[in-house]
Protein backbone atom coordinates (compact mmCIF):
# COMPACT_ATOMS: atom_id res chain seq x y z
CA MET A 1 0.08 0.14 -0.08
CA ALA A 2 1.39 3.40 -0.94
CA SER A 3 2.35 5.96 2.23
CA LYS A 4 -0.22 8.66 1.57
CA LEU A 5 2.13 11.06 3.96
CA LEU A 6 4.87 9.99 1.32
CA MET A 7 2.60 11.06 -1.57
CA ILE A 8 1.31 14.61 -0.21
CA THR A 9 4.95 15.44 0.65
CA VAL A 10 6.22 14.54 -2.61
CA PHE A 11 3.21 16.20 -4.23
CA ILE A 12 3.59 19.45 -1.90
CA PHE A 13 7.43 19.69 -3.00
CA ASP A 14 6.48 19.00 -6.97
CA LEU A 15 4.07 22.09 -6.46
CA ILE A 16 6.49 24.17 -4.81
CA ALA A 17 9.33 23.40 -7.47
CA PHE A 18 6.80 23.94 -10.33
CA GLY A 19 5.64 27.23 -8.79
CA LEU A 20 9.41 28.62 -8.67
CA ALA A 21 10.11 27.62 -12.41
CA VAL A 22 6.52 29.68 -13.16
CA ALA A 23 8.10 32.55 -11.15
CA ALA A 24 11.85 32.57 -12.76
CA GLU A 25 10.21 32.48 -16.16
CA GLN A 26 8.38 35.35 -14.75
CA ARG A 27 11.39 37.16 -13.31
CA ARG A 28 14.20 36.45 -15.74
CA SER A 29 16.47 39.41 -15.77
CA THR A 30 16.55 41.85 -18.74
CA GLY A 31 19.51 43.88 -19.87
CA VAL A 32 19.66 47.34 -21.42
CA SER A 33 22.61 49.05 -23.34
CA LYS A 34 23.11 52.74 -21.47
CA ALA A 35 25.70 55.09 -22.05
CA ASP A 36 28.23 55.90 -18.98
CA MET A 37 28.05 59.61 -17.70
CA ASP A 38 30.59 61.39 -19.92
CA GLY A 39 28.80 59.53 -23.06
CA ASN A 40 32.03 57.58 -24.06
CA TYR A 41 31.15 54.25 -23.90
CA ASN A 42 28.35 51.98 -23.84
CA TYR A 43 27.79 49.22 -20.87
CA CYS A 44 24.72 46.75 -20.07
CA VAL A 45 22.82 47.29 -17.19
CA TYR A 46 20.48 44.53 -15.72
CA ASP A 47 17.83 44.64 -13.56
CA SER A 48 16.80 42.24 -10.79
CA ASP A 49 18.46 38.62 -10.49
CA ILE A 50 15.76 36.85 -8.52
CA ALA A 51 15.06 34.35 -11.28
CA THR A 52 18.23 32.68 -10.84
CA GLY A 53 17.25 32.08 -6.79
CA TYR A 54 13.90 30.54 -7.90
CA GLY A 55 15.50 28.50 -10.62
CA VAL A 56 18.03 27.01 -8.24
CA GLY A 57 15.03 26.56 -5.46
CA ALA A 58 12.77 24.87 -8.00
CA LEU A 59 16.08 22.32 -8.64
CA LEU A 60 16.50 21.68 -5.17
CA PHE A 61 12.73 21.20 -4.45
CA LEU A 62 12.47 18.63 -7.56
CA LEU A 63 15.62 16.68 -6.19
CA ALA A 64 14.18 16.61 -2.68
CA SER A 65 11.06 15.16 -4.27
CA GLN A 66 12.75 12.69 -6.68
CA LEU A 67 15.10 11.38 -3.48
CA LEU A 68 12.45 11.13 -1.21
CA ILE A 69 10.35 8.77 -4.00
CA MET A 70 13.53 6.63 -4.79
CA PHE A 71 14.32 6.34 -1.09
CA ALA A 72 11.24 4.78 -0.31
CA SER A 73 10.84 2.64 -3.29
CA ARG A 74 14.25 1.57 -2.95
CA CYS A 75 15.45 2.28 -6.73
CA PHE A 76 14.67 -1.08 -7.41
CA CYS A 77 18.11 -2.19 -6.17
CA CYS A 78 17.20 -3.43 -2.52
CA GLY A 79 14.79 -5.40 -0.58
CA THR A 80 12.31 -7.87 -1.86
CA PRO A 81 11.54 -8.76 -5.49
CA LEU A 82 8.47 -7.35 -6.97
CA LYS A 83 5.34 -9.61 -7.70
CA PRO A 84 5.20 -10.45 -11.51
CA GLY A 85 2.60 -8.52 -13.24
CA GLY A 86 1.06 -5.39 -14.75
CA SER A 87 1.89 -3.55 -11.82
CA ARG A 88 5.86 -4.45 -11.72
CA ALA A 89 5.72 -3.74 -15.63
CA CYS A 90 4.04 -0.53 -15.31
CA ALA A 91 6.52 0.42 -12.33
CA VAL A 92 9.30 -0.64 -14.35
CA LEU A 93 8.41 2.30 -17.19
CA LEU A 94 7.24 4.67 -14.94
CA PHE A 95 10.57 4.42 -13.50
CA ILE A 96 12.71 5.12 -16.76
CA PHE A 97 10.08 7.72 -17.96
CA CYS A 98 10.64 9.81 -14.41
CA TRP A 99 14.20 9.95 -14.45
CA VAL A 100 14.07 11.00 -17.80
CA THR A 101 11.87 13.72 -16.99
CA PHE A 102 13.66 14.47 -14.08
CA PHE A 103 16.88 14.87 -15.86
CA ILE A 104 15.14 17.19 -18.63
CA ALA A 105 13.66 19.19 -15.80
CA GLU A 106 16.88 19.78 -13.90
CA VAL A 107 19.04 20.32 -16.89
CA CYS A 108 16.45 23.10 -18.13
CA LEU A 109 16.41 24.73 -14.43
CA LEU A 110 20.18 24.68 -14.16
CA ALA A 111 21.03 25.89 -17.39
CA GLY A 112 18.21 28.74 -17.18
CA SER A 113 19.58 29.72 -13.79
CA VAL A 114 23.24 29.93 -14.90
CA ARG A 115 22.74 31.72 -18.05
CA ASN A 116 20.11 34.29 -16.34
CA ALA A 117 23.07 34.64 -13.65
CA TYR A 118 25.50 35.70 -16.49
CA HIS A 119 25.89 39.42 -17.02
CA THR A 120 28.22 41.03 -19.87
CA LYS A 121 30.92 42.99 -17.83
CA TYR A 122 32.53 44.44 -20.87
CA ARG A 123 31.81 48.08 -22.42
CA THR A 124 32.23 49.22 -25.95
CA ARG A 125 33.10 53.20 -27.18
CA PHE A 126 29.95 54.91 -27.90
CA PHE A 127 30.53 55.31 -31.77
CA GLU A 128 30.87 51.29 -32.00
CA ASN A 129 27.86 49.25 -32.04
CA PRO A 130 26.18 48.60 -28.45
CA PRO A 131 27.15 45.86 -26.35
CA SER A 132 25.08 42.46 -26.51
CA CYS A 133 22.95 42.34 -23.38
CA GLU A 134 22.12 38.71 -23.62
CA THR A 135 19.67 37.07 -21.15
CA VAL A 136 18.16 33.74 -20.56
CA ARG A 137 15.98 32.97 -23.45
CA LYS A 138 12.22 32.74 -22.93
CA GLY A 139 10.80 29.54 -22.28
CA VAL A 140 13.97 27.92 -20.57
CA PHE A 141 12.14 27.99 -17.10
CA ALA A 142 8.94 27.39 -18.61
CA ALA A 143 10.33 24.27 -20.09
CA GLY A 144 11.96 23.23 -17.08
CA ALA A 145 8.35 24.02 -15.13
CA ALA A 146 6.85 21.45 -17.60
CA PHE A 147 8.94 19.03 -17.14
CA VAL A 148 8.45 19.36 -13.21
CA PHE A 149 4.95 18.66 -13.93
CA PHE A 150 5.43 15.69 -15.98
CA THR A 151 7.99 14.30 -13.56
CA GLY A 152 5.59 15.29 -10.79
CA ILE A 153 2.64 13.34 -12.37
CA ILE A 154 4.97 10.28 -13.36
CA SER A 155 6.87 9.74 -9.90
CA GLU A 156 3.19 9.65 -8.40
CA PHE A 157 2.12 6.92 -10.50
CA TYR A 158 5.49 5.22 -10.31
CA TYR A 159 5.19 5.15 -6.58
CA VAL A 160 1.75 3.70 -6.69
CA SER A 161 2.79 0.98 -9.11
CA TYR A 162 5.62 0.08 -7.28
CA SER A 163 3.59 -0.31 -4.08
CA ASN A 164 1.14 -2.36 -5.83
CA ALA A 165 3.85 -4.36 -7.00
CA ARG A 166 5.72 -4.72 -3.56
CA GLY A 167 4.88 -7.69 -1.69
CA SER A 168 5.96 -11.21 -0.52
CA PHE A 169 7.08 -12.64 -3.60
CA SER A 170 8.59 -16.00 -3.33
CA PRO A 171 9.81 -18.19 -6.65
CA TYR A 172 8.62 -21.22 -5.26
CA GLY A 173 4.83 -20.44 -4.52
CA GLY A 174 5.27 -19.07 -0.93
CA GLY A 175 2.95 -21.58 0.75
CA ASP A 176 4.26 -24.15 3.38
CA ALA A 177 6.75 -26.68 2.45
CA THR A 178 5.23 -29.35 4.44
CA VAL A 179 2.27 -31.90 3.53
CA GLY A 180 -0.45 -31.77 6.13
CA MET A 181 -1.42 -34.71 7.62
CA ALA A 182 -4.53 -33.64 9.34
CA ALA A 183 -6.96 -34.62 7.26
CA TYR A 184 -6.01 -38.65 7.28
CA LYS A 185 -6.81 -40.58 10.16
């Protein structure tokens, strides 16, 4: 039977990670080229860098959620074998999909956070082309948020399938090894 407390905790962590990823998308850094006081040079001025913190927070909450699920399910490495059947097959497939979507979400959040934290430091002469004030592309954190959502759903279904397949599986039938003689008098 799946632990309801674990599923609620994982759901809350995934919900926080999703909210932080959406907030990071909304608060991405923007940069504008400005001239210095003398008017000789152009340089980039960036606004708030809060999206980096939101992205890292989403990354950490998603990581905590994934670790909780994998710790509770023993990551298919330890413990008793799973009962053969549809639940085990479903758990194996969901395990793989869970890790794929988790990896994609983490890469999107990490790349967005690193790129958002990067600010150009150089300056150019006023009569030259203005400096490139590059920022994180629109949609990087949104893609991370989408994959956080997918990871949350798939990990919940994985844990339920794993819990259904978990049990006392015995390769020799699991019954008594003795012959009952009470019926013969």
